[in-house]
């Protein structure tokens, strides 16, 4: 199971979801579905843009 911890990252940086939307250009619905665990698939490009904007790294799972 994959658990999204984006809300924790936002809270640590005192950000709002709108900051991430503006900074990454990712659709609001996509971000909300990602946080709720409702997405069945996600493009690696989206993960990359989120990580780059938040200056974090996705954990290596290979």
Foldseek 3Di string as FASTA:
>chain_A
DDADPVVVLCVVVVHDVVVLCVQQVDDPVVVVCVNVVNDPDDDVSSVVSSCVSSVHDDDDDD
